[in-house]
Amino acid sequence: MASTTPPPPVTNHRPDPLTLEVVELIGEVVARFHEDYESAAADHALTGAQARLLSLLSLEPLPMRRLARQLKCEPSNVTGIVDRLEARGLVERRPDPADRRVKVAAATAEGRRVARSLRESLRFAREPLAGLSEAERVALRDALRRMLG
């Protein structure tokens, strides 16, 4: 006996033109940000990965495994990056106060200074956003938070 249940309706999952344009613009913003970030890192004699790690550590000391998760890479890669930053006096390893068996990486005073200088040298953060009013920047921030939220 044949089923009398009608087949599910075919839905169109294609985004509308406005959504496609927004996605393209977000892609362009991301590309420009990465280009500017890599350039700013190079100006500080850092690779992009070193700059990202140093920026994270300028906020708080972190265990190597957590750094690897945040950077989406293998812990062995983080070890090499920390080694190079440590050799430059930008990062140090220290025991985790919560578990002395665990080592955390922490930015030194010089590392925090370099991370701050790196953030301040990002043209992308200054130039395009400077053309927006405070209300527009607040609206953009809030929309991005909702998208990520």
C-alpha atoms as a PDB file:
ATOM      1  CA  MET A   1       0.000   0.000   0.000  1.00  0.00           C
ATOM      2  CA  ALA A   2       1.407   3.418  -0.979  1.00  0.00           C
ATOM      3  CA  SER A   3       1.967   6.063   1.648  1.00  0.00           C
ATOM      4  CA  THR A   4      -0.521   8.927   1.659  1.00  0.00           C
ATOM      5  CA  THR A   5       1.903  11.295   3.399  1.00  0.00           C
ATOM      6  CA  PRO A   6       2.919  14.013   0.950  1.00  0.00           C
ATOM      7  CA  PRO A   7       6.660  14.521   0.401  1.00  0.00           C
ATOM      8  CA  PRO A   8       8.237  17.406   2.309  1.00  0.00           C
ATOM      9  CA  PRO A   9       8.166  20.683   0.409  1.00  0.00           C
ATOM     10  CA  VAL A  10      11.299  21.584  -1.497  1.00  0.00           C
ATOM     11  CA  THR A  11      12.858  24.632   0.101  1.00  0.00           C
ATOM     12  CA  ASN A  12      15.299  27.005  -1.469  1.00  0.00           C
ATOM     13  CA  HIS A  13      18.326  27.298   0.827  1.00  0.00           C
ATOM     14  CA  ARG A  14      20.032  29.852  -1.385  1.00  0.00           C
ATOM     15  CA  PRO A  15      20.791  33.114   0.385  1.00  0.00           C
ATOM     16  CA  ASP A  16      19.140  36.275  -0.837  1.00  0.00           C
ATOM     17  CA  PRO A  17      21.254  38.858  -2.737  1.00  0.00           C
ATOM     18  CA  LEU A  18      21.629  41.124   0.317  1.00  0.00           C
ATOM     19  CA  THR A  19      22.955  38.251   2.438  1.00  0.00           C
ATOM     20  CA  LEU A  20      25.403  37.311  -0.334  1.00  0.00           C
ATOM     21  CA  GLU A  21      26.636  40.912  -0.511  1.00  0.00           C
ATOM     22  CA  VAL A  22      27.088  41.067   3.276  1.00  0.00           C
ATOM     23  CA  VAL A  23      29.046  37.787   3.218  1.00  0.00           C
ATOM     24  CA  GLU A  24      31.295  39.132   0.452  1.00  0.00           C
ATOM     25  CA  LEU A  25      31.883  42.357   2.391  1.00  0.00           C
ATOM     26  CA  ILE A  26      32.713  40.431   5.575  1.00  0.00           C
ATOM     27  CA  GLY A  27      35.203  38.381   3.556  1.00  0.00           C
ATOM     28  CA  GLU A  28      36.829  41.570   2.257  1.00  0.00           C
ATOM     29  CA  VAL A  29      37.023  43.017   5.788  1.00  0.00           C
ATOM     30  CA  VAL A  30      38.661  39.801   7.057  1.00  0.00           C
ATOM     31  CA  ALA A  31      41.160  39.779   4.180  1.00  0.00           C
ATOM     32  CA  ARG A  32      42.112  43.417   4.770  1.00  0.00           C
ATOM     33  CA  PHE A  33      42.448  42.864   8.510  1.00  0.00           C
ATOM     34  CA  HIS A  34      44.752  39.855   7.989  1.00  0.00           C
ATOM     35  CA  GLU A  35      46.853  41.772   5.463  1.00  0.00           C
ATOM     36  CA  ASP A  36      47.233  44.706   7.848  1.00  0.00           C
ATOM     37  CA  TYR A  37      47.910  42.415  10.814  1.00  0.00           C
ATOM     38  CA  GLU A  38      50.644  40.515   8.942  1.00  0.00           C
ATOM     39  CA  SER A  39      52.220  43.831   7.880  1.00  0.00           C
ATOM     40  CA  ALA A  40      52.113  45.211  11.441  1.00  0.00           C
ATOM     41  CA  ALA A  41      53.632  41.962  12.740  1.00  0.00           C
ATOM     42  CA  ALA A  42      56.445  42.178  10.181  1.00  0.00           C
ATOM     43  CA  ASP A  43      57.123  45.785  11.234  1.00  0.00           C
ATOM     44  CA  HIS A  44      57.792  44.349  14.705  1.00  0.00           C
ATOM     45  CA  ALA A  45      59.938  41.515  13.263  1.00  0.00           C
ATOM     46  CA  LEU A  46      57.236  38.980  14.138  1.00  0.00           C
ATOM     47  CA  THR A  47      55.356  36.401  12.126  1.00  0.00           C
ATOM     48  CA  GLY A  48      51.584  36.565  12.200  1.00  0.00           C
ATOM     49  CA  ALA A  49      51.473  33.513  14.474  1.00  0.00           C
ATOM     50  CA  GLN A  50      54.001  35.050  16.870  1.00  0.00           C
ATOM     51  CA  ALA A  51      52.013  38.293  16.968  1.00  0.00           C
ATOM     52  CA  ARG A  52      48.726  36.472  17.657  1.00  0.00           C
ATOM     53  CA  LEU A  53      50.315  34.428  20.456  1.00  0.00           C
ATOM     54  CA  LEU A  54      51.937  37.502  21.986  1.00  0.00           C
ATOM     55  CA  SER A  55      48.622  39.372  21.837  1.00  0.00           C
ATOM     56  CA  LEU A  56      46.885  36.536  23.688  1.00  0.00           C
ATOM     57  CA  LEU A  57      49.614  36.396  26.328  1.00  0.00           C
ATOM     58  CA  SER A  58      49.528  40.167  26.817  1.00  0.00           C
ATOM     59  CA  LEU A  59      46.025  39.682  28.250  1.00  0.00           C
ATOM     60  CA  GLU A  60      46.876  36.816  30.626  1.00  0.00           C
ATOM     61  CA  PRO A  61      49.343  33.953  31.096  1.00  0.00           C
ATOM     62  CA  LEU A  62      48.078  30.763  29.449  1.00  0.00           C
ATOM     63  CA  PRO A  63      49.009  27.071  29.465  1.00  0.00           C
ATOM     64  CA  MET A  64      50.495  25.801  26.198  1.00  0.00           C
ATOM     65  CA  ARG A  65      47.563  23.496  25.433  1.00  0.00           C
ATOM     66  CA  ARG A  66      45.074  26.333  25.776  1.00  0.00           C
ATOM     67  CA  LEU A  67      47.222  28.514  23.518  1.00  0.00           C
ATOM     68  CA  ALA A  68      47.207  25.718  20.941  1.00  0.00           C
ATOM     69  CA  ARG A  69      43.401  25.482  21.106  1.00  0.00           C
ATOM     70  CA  GLN A  70      42.965  29.238  20.754  1.00  0.00           C
ATOM     71  CA  LEU A  71      45.402  29.403  17.841  1.00  0.00           C
ATOM     72  CA  LYS A  72      43.921  26.220  16.321  1.00  0.00           C
ATOM     73  CA  CYS A  73      47.283  24.501  15.972  1.00  0.00           C
ATOM     74  CA  GLU A  74      49.273  21.662  17.485  1.00  0.00           C
ATOM     75  CA  PRO A  75      50.906  22.128  20.914  1.00  0.00           C
ATOM     76  CA  SER A  76      54.309  21.386  19.325  1.00  0.00           C
ATOM     77  CA  ASN A  77      53.843  24.438  17.062  1.00  0.00           C
ATOM     78  CA  VAL A  78      53.074  26.598  20.098  1.00  0.00           C
ATOM     79  CA  THR A  79      56.229  25.337  21.803  1.00  0.00           C
ATOM     80  CA  GLY A  80      58.333  26.524  18.864  1.00  0.00           C
ATOM     81  CA  ILE A  81      56.621  29.920  18.749  1.00  0.00           C
ATOM     82  CA  VAL A  82      57.060  30.383  22.512  1.00  0.00           C
ATOM     83  CA  ASP A  83      60.728  29.345  22.200  1.00  0.00           C
ATOM     84  CA  ARG A  84      61.359  32.053  19.588  1.00  0.00           C
ATOM     85  CA  LEU A  85      59.495  34.732  21.570  1.00  0.00           C
ATOM     86  CA  GLU A  86      61.276  33.684  24.757  1.00  0.00           C
ATOM     87  CA  ALA A  87      64.653  34.031  23.008  1.00  0.00           C
ATOM     88  CA  ARG A  88      63.714  37.649  22.204  1.00  0.00           C
ATOM     89  CA  GLY A  89      62.701  38.361  25.815  1.00  0.00           C
ATOM     90  CA  LEU A  90      59.027  38.849  24.915  1.00  0.00           C
ATOM     91  CA  VAL A  91      57.652  35.742  26.665  1.00  0.00           C
ATOM     92  CA  GLU A  92      58.642  33.643  29.651  1.00  0.00           C
ATOM     93  CA  ARG A  93      57.579  30.266  30.963  1.00  0.00           C
ATOM     94  CA  ARG A  94      56.554  29.989  34.591  1.00  0.00           C
ATOM     95  CA  PRO A  95      54.798  27.471  36.834  1.00  0.00           C
ATOM     96  CA  ASP A  96      51.002  27.678  36.887  1.00  0.00           C
ATOM     97  CA  PRO A  97      50.031  28.974  40.346  1.00  0.00           C
ATOM     98  CA  ALA A  98      47.048  26.577  40.372  1.00  0.00           C
ATOM     99  CA  ASP A  99      49.128  23.500  39.419  1.00  0.00           C
ATOM    100  CA  ARG A 100      52.913  23.765  39.661  1.00  0.00           C
ATOM    101  CA  ARG A 101      53.284  20.719  37.382  1.00  0.00           C
ATOM    102  CA  VAL A 102      51.898  22.808  34.517  1.00  0.00           C
ATOM    103  CA  LYS A 103      53.881  25.555  32.791  1.00  0.00           C
ATOM    104  CA  VAL A 104      52.200  28.674  31.515  1.00  0.00           C
ATOM    105  CA  ALA A 105      53.552  31.135  28.997  1.00  0.00           C
ATOM    106  CA  ALA A 106      53.367  34.792  29.985  1.00  0.00           C
ATOM    107  CA  ALA A 107      54.279  38.015  28.220  1.00  0.00           C
ATOM    108  CA  THR A 108      57.143  39.915  29.787  1.00  0.00           C
ATOM    109  CA  ALA A 109      56.907  43.682  30.291  1.00  0.00           C
ATOM    110  CA  GLU A 110      58.657  44.099  26.930  1.00  0.00           C
ATOM    111  CA  GLY A 111      56.261  41.594  25.346  1.00  0.00           C
ATOM    112  CA  ARG A 112      53.260  43.560  26.616  1.00  0.00           C
ATOM    113  CA  ARG A 113      54.815  46.766  25.259  1.00  0.00           C
ATOM    114  CA  VAL A 114      55.330  45.160  21.818  1.00  0.00           C
ATOM    115  CA  ALA A 115      51.776  43.733  21.825  1.00  0.00           C
ATOM    116  CA  ARG A 116      50.360  47.183  22.659  1.00  0.00           C
ATOM    117  CA  SER A 117      52.476  48.792  19.938  1.00  0.00           C
ATOM    118  CA  LEU A 118      51.304  46.138  17.473  1.00  0.00           C
ATOM    119  CA  ARG A 119      47.633  46.814  18.272  1.00  0.00           C
ATOM    120  CA  GLU A 120      48.152  50.567  18.009  1.00  0.00           C
ATOM    121  CA  SER A 121      49.902  50.255  14.643  1.00  0.00           C
ATOM    122  CA  LEU A 122      46.980  48.497  12.941  1.00  0.00           C
ATOM    123  CA  ARG A 123      45.911  50.956  10.246  1.00  0.00           C
ATOM    124  CA  PHE A 124      42.788  48.918   9.549  1.00  0.00           C
ATOM    125  CA  ALA A 125      41.477  49.596  13.047  1.00  0.00           C
ATOM    126  CA  ARG A 126      42.075  53.335  12.682  1.00  0.00           C
ATOM    127  CA  GLU A 127      41.304  54.334   9.117  1.00  0.00           C
ATOM    128  CA  PRO A 128      38.030  52.699   7.999  1.00  0.00           C
ATOM    129  CA  LEU A 129      36.445  52.763  11.439  1.00  0.00           C
ATOM    130  CA  ALA A 130      37.418  56.403  11.946  1.00  0.00           C
ATOM    131  CA  GLY A 131      35.004  57.293   9.141  1.00  0.00           C
ATOM    132  CA  LEU A 132      32.101  55.911  11.160  1.00  0.00           C
ATOM    133  CA  SER A 133      30.366  57.858  13.888  1.00  0.00           C
ATOM    134  CA  GLU A 134      30.394  56.496  17.424  1.00  0.00           C
ATOM    135  CA  ALA A 135      26.754  55.437  17.003  1.00  0.00           C
ATOM    136  CA  GLU A 136      27.636  53.562  13.804  1.00  0.00           C
ATOM    137  CA  ARG A 137      30.580  51.819  15.512  1.00  0.00           C
ATOM    138  CA  VAL A 138      28.315  50.829  18.429  1.00  0.00           C
ATOM    139  CA  ALA A 139      25.694  49.487  15.992  1.00  0.00           C
ATOM    140  CA  LEU A 140      28.379  47.557  14.068  1.00  0.00           C
ATOM    141  CA  ARG A 141      29.812  46.134  17.290  1.00  0.00           C
ATOM    142  CA  ASP A 142      26.372  45.068  18.493  1.00  0.00           C
ATOM    143  CA  ALA A 143      25.488  43.453  15.143  1.00  0.00           C
ATOM    144  CA  LEU A 144      28.797  41.537  15.112  1.00  0.00           C
ATOM    145  CA  ARG A 145      28.240  40.358  18.686  1.00  0.00           C
ATOM    146  CA  ARG A 146      24.769  39.081  17.731  1.00  0.00           C
ATOM    147  CA  MET A 147      26.240  37.264  14.727  1.00  0.00           C
ATOM    148  CA  LEU A 148      28.887  35.597  16.899  1.00  0.00           C
ATOM    149  CA  GLY A 149      26.672  35.165  19.915  1.00  0.00           C
END
